[in-house]
Amino acid sequence: MRATWKPHTKHGDLTGRADLPDSVFAYPKKRKEPMTDASHVRNAIARFDQVTGVTAAERELAFANIQKAAKHYKVDMTESKAEDLGTRPSTGRTVADRKKSAKKAAATRKRKATGGAKTAATRKKPTRKRSG
């Protein structure tokens, strides 16, 4: 697959993601995984198998784009094919597990925002070993 990635050379004020051309993304049609410097290229490599909603052809194109960007920014990339980075997102959890975790996290944020942290009276006290 032929890579479509091109380096982004606009300098000056910070550019927003919307200002970036499609050619700087690993997945240009979806505008996912921008690669504007070495750090972003390493991030695209690390998250390659986490991207959802893309076809196998888009994944192959993304791999070619990542390879080209890695070469440009001198990022060491030992993988030689897309399968080396993974082919499908690994969620590891069911939808019910994610909803349960999200509900718990929301409750924690709400408690912390209202100052409802545990007090000394309700906090579990550590047990000490007695020597003897």
C-alpha atoms as a PDB file:
ATOM      1  CA  MET A   1       0.000   0.000   0.000  1.00  0.00           C
ATOM      2  CA  ARG A   2       1.306   3.436  -0.894  1.00  0.00           C
ATOM      3  CA  ALA A   3       1.659   5.878   2.018  1.00  0.00           C
ATOM      4  CA  THR A   4      -0.197   9.194   1.921  1.00  0.00           C
ATOM      5  CA  TRP A   5       1.571  10.782   4.927  1.00  0.00           C
ATOM      6  CA  LYS A   6       3.437  14.069   4.398  1.00  0.00           C
ATOM      7  CA  PRO A   7       5.297  16.096   7.031  1.00  0.00           C
ATOM      8  CA  HIS A   8       3.466  19.114   8.379  1.00  0.00           C
ATOM      9  CA  THR A   9       5.749  22.132   8.083  1.00  0.00           C
ATOM     10  CA  LYS A  10       3.491  24.955   9.269  1.00  0.00           C
ATOM     11  CA  HIS A  11       5.238  26.829  12.068  1.00  0.00           C
ATOM     12  CA  GLY A  12       4.190  29.662  14.305  1.00  0.00           C
ATOM     13  CA  ASP A  13       1.043  29.682  16.394  1.00  0.00           C
ATOM     14  CA  LEU A  14      -0.226  26.391  17.725  1.00  0.00           C
ATOM     15  CA  THR A  15      -2.437  24.706  15.198  1.00  0.00           C
ATOM     16  CA  GLY A  16      -5.586  22.939  16.208  1.00  0.00           C
ATOM     17  CA  ARG A  17      -6.419  19.441  15.071  1.00  0.00           C
ATOM     18  CA  ALA A  18      -9.029  20.865  12.688  1.00  0.00           C
ATOM     19  CA  ASP A  19      -6.327  22.965  10.988  1.00  0.00           C
ATOM     20  CA  LEU A  20      -4.174  19.933  10.178  1.00  0.00           C
ATOM     21  CA  PRO A  21      -4.314  18.516   6.648  1.00  0.00           C
ATOM     22  CA  ASP A  22      -5.504  14.939   6.138  1.00  0.00           C
ATOM     23  CA  SER A  23      -1.993  13.999   5.017  1.00  0.00           C
ATOM     24  CA  VAL A  24      -0.566  14.147   8.572  1.00  0.00           C
ATOM     25  CA  PHE A  25      -2.906  11.482   9.970  1.00  0.00           C
ATOM     26  CA  ALA A  26      -2.176   7.770  10.079  1.00  0.00           C
ATOM     27  CA  TYR A  27      -5.838   7.213   9.157  1.00  0.00           C
ATOM     28  CA  PRO A  28      -6.468  10.149   6.783  1.00  0.00           C
ATOM     29  CA  LYS A  29     -10.141   9.423   5.958  1.00  0.00           C
ATOM     30  CA  LYS A  30     -11.033   9.111   9.640  1.00  0.00           C
ATOM     31  CA  ARG A  31      -8.541  11.847  10.718  1.00  0.00           C
ATOM     32  CA  LYS A  32      -7.229   9.585  13.490  1.00  0.00           C
ATOM     33  CA  GLU A  33      -3.713   9.510  14.948  1.00  0.00           C
ATOM     34  CA  PRO A  34      -2.056  12.767  13.851  1.00  0.00           C
ATOM     35  CA  MET A  35       1.709  12.432  13.350  1.00  0.00           C
ATOM     36  CA  THR A  36       3.306  15.870  13.492  1.00  0.00           C
ATOM     37  CA  ASP A  37       6.449  14.920  15.426  1.00  0.00           C
ATOM     38  CA  ALA A  38       8.374  11.908  16.751  1.00  0.00           C
ATOM     39  CA  SER A  39       6.305  11.724  19.929  1.00  0.00           C
ATOM     40  CA  HIS A  40       3.066  11.480  17.951  1.00  0.00           C
ATOM     41  CA  VAL A  41       4.565   8.773  15.729  1.00  0.00           C
ATOM     42  CA  ARG A  42       5.509   6.689  18.783  1.00  0.00           C
ATOM     43  CA  ASN A  43       1.981   7.208  20.106  1.00  0.00           C
ATOM     44  CA  ALA A  44       0.459   6.046  16.793  1.00  0.00           C
ATOM     45  CA  ILE A  45       2.622   2.909  16.927  1.00  0.00           C
ATOM     46  CA  ALA A  46       1.604   2.179  20.516  1.00  0.00           C
ATOM     47  CA  ARG A  47      -2.108   2.697  19.854  1.00  0.00           C
ATOM     48  CA  PHE A  48      -2.286   1.037  16.437  1.00  0.00           C
ATOM     49  CA  ASP A  49      -4.366  -1.909  17.663  1.00  0.00           C
ATOM     50  CA  GLN A  50      -6.661   0.328  19.753  1.00  0.00           C
ATOM     51  CA  VAL A  51      -8.193   2.225  16.827  1.00  0.00           C
ATOM     52  CA  THR A  52     -11.791   1.211  16.190  1.00  0.00           C
ATOM     53  CA  GLY A  53     -14.104   1.693  13.233  1.00  0.00           C
ATOM     54  CA  VAL A  54     -11.519   1.160  10.485  1.00  0.00           C
ATOM     55  CA  THR A  55     -11.305  -1.427   7.731  1.00  0.00           C
ATOM     56  CA  ALA A  56      -8.377  -3.733   7.044  1.00  0.00           C
ATOM     57  CA  ALA A  57      -7.416  -1.573   4.044  1.00  0.00           C
ATOM     58  CA  GLU A  58      -7.428   1.570   6.211  1.00  0.00           C
ATOM     59  CA  ARG A  59      -5.283  -0.239   8.772  1.00  0.00           C
ATOM     60  CA  GLU A  60      -2.766  -1.187   6.043  1.00  0.00           C
ATOM     61  CA  LEU A  61      -2.672   2.431   4.842  1.00  0.00           C
ATOM     62  CA  ALA A  62      -2.162   3.616   8.412  1.00  0.00           C
ATOM     63  CA  PHE A  63       0.750   1.223   8.842  1.00  0.00           C
ATOM     64  CA  ALA A  64       2.375   2.530   5.648  1.00  0.00           C
ATOM     65  CA  ASN A  65       1.840   6.111   6.863  1.00  0.00           C
ATOM     66  CA  ILE A  66       3.323   5.299  10.270  1.00  0.00           C
ATOM     67  CA  GLN A  67       6.369   3.705   8.626  1.00  0.00           C
ATOM     68  CA  LYS A  68       6.925   6.777   6.446  1.00  0.00           C
ATOM     69  CA  ALA A  69       6.517   9.171   9.380  1.00  0.00           C
ATOM     70  CA  ALA A  70       8.817   7.038  11.564  1.00  0.00           C
ATOM     71  CA  LYS A  71      11.511   7.165   8.907  1.00  0.00           C
ATOM     72  CA  HIS A  72      11.108  10.950   8.553  1.00  0.00           C
ATOM     73  CA  TYR A  73      11.318  11.624  12.305  1.00  0.00           C
ATOM     74  CA  LYS A  74      13.997   8.933  12.827  1.00  0.00           C
ATOM     75  CA  VAL A  75      11.813   6.819  15.134  1.00  0.00           C
ATOM     76  CA  ASP A  76      13.115   3.264  15.484  1.00  0.00           C
ATOM     77  CA  MET A  77      10.391   0.926  14.277  1.00  0.00           C
ATOM     78  CA  THR A  78      11.165  -2.791  14.339  1.00  0.00           C
ATOM     79  CA  GLU A  79       7.770  -3.944  13.033  1.00  0.00           C
ATOM     80  CA  SER A  80       7.758  -4.794   9.335  1.00  0.00           C
ATOM     81  CA  LYS A  81       4.051  -5.503   8.795  1.00  0.00           C
ATOM     82  CA  ALA A  82       0.764  -4.307  10.257  1.00  0.00           C
ATOM     83  CA  GLU A  83       0.064  -7.638  11.952  1.00  0.00           C
ATOM     84  CA  ASP A  84       3.146  -7.100  14.136  1.00  0.00           C
ATOM     85  CA  LEU A  85       1.337  -4.175  15.765  1.00  0.00           C
ATOM     86  CA  GLY A  86      -1.965  -6.030  16.160  1.00  0.00           C
ATOM     87  CA  THR A  87      -4.992  -6.268  13.955  1.00  0.00           C
ATOM     88  CA  ARG A  88      -7.986  -5.573  16.100  1.00  0.00           C
ATOM     89  CA  PRO A  89      -8.719  -3.576  19.224  1.00  0.00           C
ATOM     90  CA  SER A  90      -8.496  -5.570  22.411  1.00  0.00           C
ATOM     91  CA  THR A  91     -11.180  -4.296  24.737  1.00  0.00           C
ATOM     92  CA  GLY A  92     -10.717  -6.943  27.392  1.00  0.00           C
ATOM     93  CA  ARG A  93     -13.978  -5.946  29.070  1.00  0.00           C
ATOM     94  CA  THR A  94     -17.636  -6.300  28.267  1.00  0.00           C
ATOM     95  CA  VAL A  95     -19.980  -3.374  27.786  1.00  0.00           C
ATOM     96  CA  ALA A  96     -21.505  -4.074  31.202  1.00  0.00           C
ATOM     97  CA  ASP A  97     -18.054  -3.935  32.830  1.00  0.00           C
ATOM     98  CA  ARG A  98     -17.289  -0.593  31.168  1.00  0.00           C
ATOM     99  CA  LYS A  99     -20.648   0.856  32.255  1.00  0.00           C
ATOM    100  CA  LYS A 100     -20.067  -0.318  35.824  1.00  0.00           C
ATOM    101  CA  SER A 101     -16.588   1.254  35.855  1.00  0.00           C
ATOM    102  CA  ALA A 102     -17.915   4.500  34.381  1.00  0.00           C
ATOM    103  CA  LYS A 103     -20.668   4.679  37.013  1.00  0.00           C
ATOM    104  CA  LYS A 104     -18.149   4.097  39.809  1.00  0.00           C
ATOM    105  CA  ALA A 105     -15.801   6.747  38.394  1.00  0.00           C
ATOM    106  CA  ALA A 106     -18.642   9.268  38.123  1.00  0.00           C
ATOM    107  CA  ALA A 107     -19.587   8.657  41.755  1.00  0.00           C
ATOM    108  CA  THR A 108     -15.966   9.155  42.822  1.00  0.00           C
ATOM    109  CA  ARG A 109     -15.694  12.430  40.876  1.00  0.00           C
ATOM    110  CA  LYS A 110     -18.967  13.649  42.392  1.00  0.00           C
ATOM    111  CA  ARG A 111     -17.844  12.734  45.914  1.00  0.00           C
ATOM    112  CA  LYS A 112     -14.498  14.497  45.468  1.00  0.00           C
ATOM    113  CA  ALA A 113     -16.112  17.575  43.938  1.00  0.00           C
ATOM    114  CA  THR A 114     -18.481  17.986  46.886  1.00  0.00           C
ATOM    115  CA  GLY A 115     -15.780  17.406  49.477  1.00  0.00           C
ATOM    116  CA  GLY A 116     -17.335  14.128  50.518  1.00  0.00           C
ATOM    117  CA  ALA A 117     -14.030  12.352  51.034  1.00  0.00           C
ATOM    118  CA  LYS A 118     -13.923   9.817  53.839  1.00  0.00           C
ATOM    119  CA  THR A 119     -13.346  11.299  57.260  1.00  0.00           C
ATOM    120  CA  ALA A 120     -10.965   9.936  59.868  1.00  0.00           C
ATOM    121  CA  ALA A 121     -13.890   8.353  61.730  1.00  0.00           C
ATOM    122  CA  THR A 122     -15.086   6.368  58.692  1.00  0.00           C
ATOM    123  CA  ARG A 123     -11.667   5.481  57.325  1.00  0.00           C
ATOM    124  CA  LYS A 124     -10.520   1.938  58.023  1.00  0.00           C
ATOM    125  CA  LYS A 125      -7.606   1.902  60.429  1.00  0.00           C
ATOM    126  CA  PRO A 126      -4.559  -0.195  59.562  1.00  0.00           C
ATOM    127  CA  THR A 127      -3.826  -3.147  61.780  1.00  0.00           C
ATOM    128  CA  ARG A 128      -0.421  -3.443  63.371  1.00  0.00           C
ATOM    129  CA  LYS A 129       1.538  -6.577  63.980  1.00  0.00           C
ATOM    130  CA  ARG A 130       2.456  -7.117  67.556  1.00  0.00           C
ATOM    131  CA  SER A 131       5.887  -8.408  68.263  1.00  0.00           C
ATOM    132  CA  GLY A 132       6.267 -10.646  71.174  1.00  0.00           C
END
